[in-house]
């Protein structure tokens, strides 16, 4: 495998547990190479309230269709 597309296709074929192991491997390599952790994101109370409202509406629609 030499292209990102080939690697992505191979990763898709992995079992869930193997995908988790791959993620841990990649994270360890990134840390070893000095990768920085992204800055924490800050959300306003309004943004969070809107997400909760949408989530509750989605759950109500889901329950109505089951």
N, C-alpha and C. Protein backbone atom coordinates (compact mmCIF):
# COMPACT_ATOMS: atom_id res chain seq x y z
N UNK A 1 0.83 -1.18 0.00
CA UNK A 1 0.00 0.00 0.00
C UNK A 1 0.88 1.24 0.00
N UNK A 2 0.60 2.10 -0.94
CA UNK A 2 1.44 3.30 -1.02
C UNK A 2 0.64 4.59 -1.13
N UNK A 3 -0.67 4.49 -1.29
CA UNK A 3 -1.46 5.71 -1.39
C UNK A 3 -2.45 5.77 -0.23
N UNK A 4 -2.87 6.97 0.09
CA UNK A 4 -3.84 7.15 1.15
C UNK A 4 -5.14 6.41 0.83
N UNK A 5 -5.54 6.42 -0.42
CA UNK A 5 -6.76 5.70 -0.82
C UNK A 5 -6.67 4.21 -0.53
N UNK A 6 -5.50 3.63 -0.82
CA UNK A 6 -5.31 2.20 -0.53
C UNK A 6 -5.34 1.92 0.97
N UNK A 7 -4.73 2.81 1.73
CA UNK A 7 -4.71 2.64 3.18
C UNK A 7 -6.12 2.79 3.75
N UNK A 8 -6.87 3.77 3.26
CA UNK A 8 -8.25 3.97 3.73
C UNK A 8 -9.10 2.74 3.41
N UNK A 9 -8.95 2.19 2.21
CA UNK A 9 -9.72 1.00 1.83
C UNK A 9 -9.37 -0.18 2.73
N UNK A 10 -8.08 -0.33 3.03
CA UNK A 10 -7.66 -1.42 3.92
C UNK A 10 -8.21 -1.19 5.32
N UNK A 11 -8.22 0.04 5.80
CA UNK A 11 -8.75 0.34 7.13
C UNK A 11 -10.24 0.04 7.19
N UNK A 12 -10.97 0.34 6.12
CA UNK A 12 -12.40 0.03 6.07
C UNK A 12 -12.67 -1.46 6.23
N UNK A 13 -11.76 -2.27 5.75
CA UNK A 13 -11.95 -3.72 5.78
C UNK A 13 -11.65 -4.32 7.15
N UNK A 14 -11.04 -3.55 8.04
CA UNK A 14 -10.69 -4.07 9.36
C UNK A 14 -11.91 -4.26 10.25
N UNK A 15 -11.79 -5.19 11.17
CA UNK A 15 -12.82 -5.37 12.20
C UNK A 15 -12.77 -4.17 13.14
N UNK A 16 -13.84 -3.94 13.87
CA UNK A 16 -13.93 -2.78 14.76
C UNK A 16 -12.77 -2.72 15.76
N UNK A 17 -12.45 -3.85 16.37
CA UNK A 17 -11.36 -3.88 17.34
C UNK A 17 -10.03 -3.52 16.68
N UNK A 18 -9.81 -3.98 15.47
CA UNK A 18 -8.57 -3.66 14.76
C UNK A 18 -8.52 -2.18 14.40
N UNK A 19 -9.68 -1.59 14.07
CA UNK A 19 -9.73 -0.15 13.79
C UNK A 19 -9.34 0.64 15.03
N UNK A 20 -9.81 0.20 16.19
CA UNK A 20 -9.45 0.88 17.43
C UNK A 20 -7.94 0.78 17.67
N UNK A 21 -7.38 -0.39 17.45
CA UNK A 21 -5.94 -0.57 17.61
C UNK A 21 -5.17 0.32 16.65
N UNK A 22 -5.65 0.44 15.42
CA UNK A 22 -5.01 1.30 14.43
C UNK A 22 -5.05 2.76 14.89
N UNK A 23 -6.19 3.20 15.42
CA UNK A 23 -6.29 4.58 15.90
C UNK A 23 -5.30 4.84 17.03
N UNK A 24 -5.17 3.90 17.95
CA UNK A 24 -4.21 4.07 19.05
C UNK A 24 -2.78 4.12 18.52
N UNK A 25 -2.49 3.26 17.55
CA UNK A 25 -1.16 3.25 16.93
C UNK A 25 -0.86 4.60 16.28
N UNK A 26 -1.81 5.11 15.50
CA UNK A 26 -1.61 6.38 14.81
C UNK A 26 -1.48 7.53 15.80
N UNK A 27 -2.29 7.54 16.84
CA UNK A 27 -2.21 8.59 17.85
C UNK A 27 -0.84 8.58 18.53
N UNK A 28 -0.33 7.38 18.84
CA UNK A 28 0.98 7.27 19.46
C UNK A 28 2.07 7.81 18.53
N UNK A 29 1.96 7.51 17.25
CA UNK A 29 2.95 8.00 16.29
C UNK A 29 2.90 9.52 16.16
N UNK A 30 1.69 10.05 16.15
CA UNK A 30 1.54 11.51 16.06
C UNK A 30 2.17 12.19 17.28
N UNK A 31 1.90 11.64 18.48
CA UNK A 31 2.49 12.21 19.70
C UNK A 31 4.01 12.12 19.65
N UNK A 32 4.53 10.99 19.20
CA UNK A 32 5.98 10.80 19.13
C UNK A 32 6.63 11.79 18.17
N UNK A 33 5.88 12.20 17.16
CA UNK A 33 6.40 13.15 16.18
C UNK A 33 6.10 14.60 16.55
N UNK A 34 5.61 14.81 17.78
CA UNK A 34 5.40 16.18 18.25
C UNK A 34 4.09 16.81 17.86
N UNK A 35 3.12 16.00 17.44
CA UNK A 35 1.82 16.57 17.07
C UNK A 35 1.19 17.22 18.30
N UNK A 36 0.57 18.34 18.10
CA UNK A 36 -0.08 19.08 19.18
C UNK A 36 -1.55 18.67 19.27
N UNK A 37 -2.05 18.67 20.49
CA UNK A 37 -3.47 18.42 20.72
C UNK A 37 -4.22 19.68 20.31
N UNK A 38 -5.33 19.54 19.58
CA UNK A 38 -6.08 20.74 19.19
C UNK A 38 -6.55 21.53 20.41
N UNK A 39 -6.65 22.81 20.24
CA UNK A 39 -7.16 23.67 21.31
C UNK A 39 -8.59 23.28 21.66
N UNK A 40 -8.94 23.42 22.91
CA UNK A 40 -10.32 23.15 23.35
C UNK A 40 -11.26 24.13 22.66
N UNK A 41 -12.41 23.61 22.30
CA UNK A 41 -13.41 24.47 21.67
C UNK A 41 -14.33 25.00 22.74
N UNK A 42 -14.77 26.22 22.58
CA UNK A 42 -15.66 26.86 23.53
C UNK A 42 -16.99 27.11 22.83
N UNK A 43 -18.07 26.66 23.47
CA UNK A 43 -19.40 26.82 22.90
C UNK A 43 -20.24 27.68 23.84
N UNK A 44 -21.08 28.50 23.25
CA UNK A 44 -21.95 29.34 24.06
C UNK A 44 -23.11 28.52 24.60
N UNK A 45 -23.75 29.04 25.63
CA UNK A 45 -24.92 28.37 26.21
C UNK A 45 -26.02 28.22 25.17
N UNK A 46 -26.17 29.23 24.31
CA UNK A 46 -27.20 29.16 23.26
C UNK A 46 -26.92 28.03 22.27
N UNK A 47 -25.66 27.86 21.88
CA UNK A 47 -25.31 26.77 20.97
C UNK A 47 -25.64 25.41 21.58
N UNK A 48 -25.28 25.25 22.83
CA UNK A 48 -25.55 23.98 23.51
C UNK A 48 -27.04 23.75 23.64
N UNK A 49 -27.78 24.78 24.01
CA UNK A 49 -29.23 24.65 24.14
C UNK A 49 -29.87 24.27 22.81
N UNK A 50 -29.38 24.86 21.71
CA UNK A 50 -29.91 24.52 20.38
C UNK A 50 -29.62 23.07 20.02
N UNK A 51 -28.43 22.58 20.36
CA UNK A 51 -28.10 21.18 20.09
C UNK A 51 -29.02 20.25 20.86
N UNK A 52 -29.25 20.59 22.11
CA UNK A 52 -30.12 19.74 22.95
C UNK A 52 -31.53 19.74 22.38
N UNK A 53 -32.02 20.89 21.99
CA UNK A 53 -33.37 20.98 21.42
C UNK A 53 -33.48 20.13 20.16
N UNK A 54 -32.49 20.24 19.27
CA UNK A 54 -32.50 19.43 18.04
C UNK A 54 -32.40 17.94 18.36
N UNK A 55 -31.56 17.60 19.32
CA UNK A 55 -31.39 16.21 19.70
C UNK A 55 -32.70 15.63 20.25
N UNK A 56 -33.37 16.39 21.09
CA UNK A 56 -34.64 15.93 21.65
C UNK A 56 -35.69 15.77 20.56
N UNK A 57 -35.70 16.68 19.58
CA UNK A 57 -36.64 16.58 18.47
C UNK A 57 -36.33 15.34 17.62
N UNK A 58 -35.06 15.09 17.38
CA UNK A 58 -34.66 13.89 16.63
C UNK A 58 -35.08 12.63 17.36
N UNK A 59 -34.90 12.60 18.68
CA UNK A 59 -35.30 11.43 19.46
C UNK A 59 -36.81 11.23 19.40
N UNK A 60 -37.57 12.32 19.48
CA UNK A 60 -39.03 12.21 19.40
C UNK A 60 -39.45 11.65 18.04
N UNK A 61 -38.81 12.12 16.95
CA UNK A 61 -39.12 11.60 15.61
C UNK A 61 -38.75 10.12 15.51
N UNK A 62 -37.61 9.76 16.08
CA UNK A 62 -37.18 8.37 16.06
C UNK A 62 -38.19 7.48 16.78
N UNK A 63 -38.59 7.90 17.96
CA UNK A 63 -39.55 7.11 18.75
C UNK A 63 -40.89 7.01 18.03
N UNK A 64 -41.28 8.05 17.33
CA UNK A 64 -42.55 8.05 16.62
C UNK A 64 -42.54 7.08 15.44
N UNK A 65 -41.36 6.82 14.90
CA UNK A 65 -41.25 5.96 13.72
C UNK A 65 -40.92 4.52 14.06
N UNK A 66 -40.79 4.18 15.35
CA UNK A 66 -40.46 2.81 15.72
C UNK A 66 -41.64 2.09 16.31
